[in-house]
Amino acid sequence: MRARSARSTTLPDDLKAKLLPEEQYKSVRPIADGEAWDKTVKTLPRQWQEHVIINMKQ
């Protein structure tokens, strides 16, 4: 099953300017293991705090 692309929608130019460049989407693929994703996504806020925010304060 292939996911439908949201790219078929026409966006205003101001929103298009906020999107990632098209070439950065070329390796995108659907999440294969939903259970693993659910487990991982719960750890993201703490990882963000430990690895990103702490470096922003320096």
Protein backbone atom coordinates (compact mmCIF):
# COMPACT_ATOMS: atom_id res chain seq x y z
CA MET A 1 0.00 0.00 0.00
CA ARG A 2 1.36 3.38 -0.93
CA ALA A 3 0.53 6.52 1.01
CA ARG A 4 -1.12 9.37 -0.83
CA SER A 5 1.03 12.43 -1.11
CA ALA A 6 -0.15 15.61 0.57
CA ARG A 7 1.91 17.44 -2.07
CA SER A 8 -1.04 17.45 -4.48
CA THR A 9 -2.53 20.32 -2.46
CA THR A 10 -1.74 23.81 -3.70
CA LEU A 11 -0.17 25.84 -0.92
CA PRO A 12 0.22 29.60 -0.69
CA ASP A 13 3.75 30.85 -1.36
CA ASP A 14 4.32 31.89 2.27
CA LEU A 15 3.68 28.30 3.40
CA LYS A 16 5.77 26.79 0.60
CA ALA A 17 8.69 28.90 1.79
CA LYS A 18 8.53 27.17 5.20
CA LEU A 19 8.75 23.63 3.82
CA LEU A 20 11.96 21.64 3.61
CA PRO A 21 13.55 21.58 0.17
CA GLU A 22 12.03 18.87 -2.04
CA GLU A 23 15.29 16.87 -2.20
CA GLN A 24 15.13 16.31 1.56
CA TYR A 25 11.93 14.30 1.10
CA LYS A 26 13.44 11.77 -1.34
CA SER A 27 14.30 9.22 1.38
CA VAL A 28 11.03 9.52 3.29
CA ARG A 29 9.28 6.23 3.98
CA PRO A 30 6.31 5.21 6.12
CA ILE A 31 6.84 3.95 9.65
CA ALA A 32 7.07 0.17 9.37
CA ASP A 33 6.79 -0.75 13.06
CA GLY A 34 4.08 1.27 14.76
CA GLU A 35 4.72 -0.32 18.14
CA ALA A 36 8.41 0.60 18.06
CA TRP A 37 7.49 4.14 16.97
CA ASP A 38 5.04 4.52 19.86
CA LYS A 39 7.75 3.42 22.30
CA THR A 40 10.37 5.71 20.76
CA VAL A 41 8.18 8.80 20.49
CA LYS A 42 7.66 8.76 24.26
CA THR A 43 11.40 9.28 24.74
CA LEU A 44 11.72 12.25 22.38
CA PRO A 45 10.88 15.07 24.84
CA ARG A 46 13.56 13.92 27.29
CA GLN A 47 16.10 13.39 24.52
CA TRP A 48 15.34 16.87 23.19
CA GLN A 49 15.98 18.35 26.64
CA GLU A 50 19.19 16.38 27.18
CA HIS A 51 20.73 16.81 23.74
CA VAL A 52 19.33 19.99 22.22
CA ILE A 53 18.10 22.45 24.82
CA ILE A 54 21.13 22.02 27.03
CA ASN A 55 23.34 23.09 24.10
CA MET A 56 21.14 26.08 23.30
CA LYS A 57 21.84 27.62 26.70
CA GLN A 58 25.58 27.77 26.11
